[in-house]
């Protein structure tokens, strides 16, 4: 995570970012204008999760 994510300039700039559970995995996502979620970061301790293309940063999740 970048310094700007840890110490945001304002709370409003991060109001659209959330940690959600999707298919049993914790994901850090950003809500887009159409209500879907864009994956920013997979938070997992299982190395196999990072090899799954469904969890590539930038993917739009059907949620």
Protein backbone atom coordinates (compact mmCIF):
# COMPACT_ATOMS: atom_id res chain seq x y z
CA UNK A 1 0.00 0.00 0.00
CA UNK A 2 1.19 3.47 -0.78
CA UNK A 3 1.69 6.27 1.72
CA UNK A 4 -1.34 8.09 0.27
CA UNK A 5 -3.55 5.08 1.03
CA UNK A 6 -2.33 4.86 4.61
CA UNK A 7 -2.45 8.62 5.26
CA UNK A 8 -5.13 9.97 2.90
CA UNK A 9 -5.34 13.66 2.11
CA UNK A 10 -9.08 13.63 2.84
CA UNK A 11 -11.60 11.02 3.91
CA UNK A 12 -13.77 11.75 0.86
CA UNK A 13 -11.14 10.52 -1.57
CA UNK A 14 -11.35 7.00 -0.07
CA UNK A 15 -15.07 6.74 0.66
CA UNK A 16 -15.55 4.50 -2.39
CA UNK A 17 -12.92 1.96 -1.27
CA UNK A 18 -13.92 -1.05 0.80
CA UNK A 19 -12.73 -4.43 2.03
CA UNK A 20 -15.21 -7.09 0.97
CA UNK A 21 -15.45 -10.86 1.13
CA UNK A 22 -15.90 -12.47 -2.30
CA UNK A 23 -15.92 -16.24 -2.79
CA UNK A 24 -14.31 -16.68 0.63
CA UNK A 25 -11.43 -14.24 0.00
CA UNK A 26 -10.86 -10.75 1.34
CA UNK A 27 -10.51 -8.13 -1.37
CA UNK A 28 -9.70 -4.44 -1.27
CA UNK A 29 -11.92 -2.87 -3.93
CA UNK A 30 -13.08 0.46 -5.27
CA UNK A 31 -16.74 0.99 -6.11
CA UNK A 32 -17.22 2.34 -9.62
CA UNK A 33 -19.89 4.76 -10.83
CA UNK A 34 -22.11 1.93 -12.13
CA UNK A 35 -22.09 0.12 -8.75
CA UNK A 36 -19.66 -2.66 -9.62
CA UNK A 37 -16.34 -3.19 -7.86
CA UNK A 38 -12.84 -2.94 -9.31
CA UNK A 39 -10.25 -5.10 -7.57
CA UNK A 40 -7.35 -3.14 -6.12
CA UNK A 41 -5.70 -5.79 -3.94
CA UNK A 42 -6.16 -9.43 -2.95
CA UNK A 43 -5.55 -9.97 0.75
CA UNK A 44 -4.75 -13.64 1.24
CA UNK A 45 -2.21 -15.88 2.90
CA UNK A 46 -2.75 -18.63 0.32
CA UNK A 47 -0.19 -18.39 -2.52
CA UNK A 48 -2.55 -20.31 -4.85
CA UNK A 49 -5.04 -17.40 -4.70
CA UNK A 50 -2.52 -15.11 -6.38
CA UNK A 51 -2.20 -17.51 -9.34
CA UNK A 52 -5.95 -17.33 -10.06
CA UNK A 53 -6.65 -14.84 -12.87
CA UNK A 54 -9.99 -13.93 -11.26
CA UNK A 55 -8.08 -11.98 -8.63
CA UNK A 56 -5.83 -9.91 -10.89
CA UNK A 57 -5.80 -6.23 -9.82
CA UNK A 58 -7.94 -4.12 -12.13
CA UNK A 59 -10.57 -6.81 -12.73
CA UNK A 60 -14.22 -5.78 -12.45
CA UNK A 61 -16.10 -8.05 -10.05
CA UNK A 62 -19.71 -9.08 -10.52
CA UNK A 63 -20.98 -8.26 -7.03
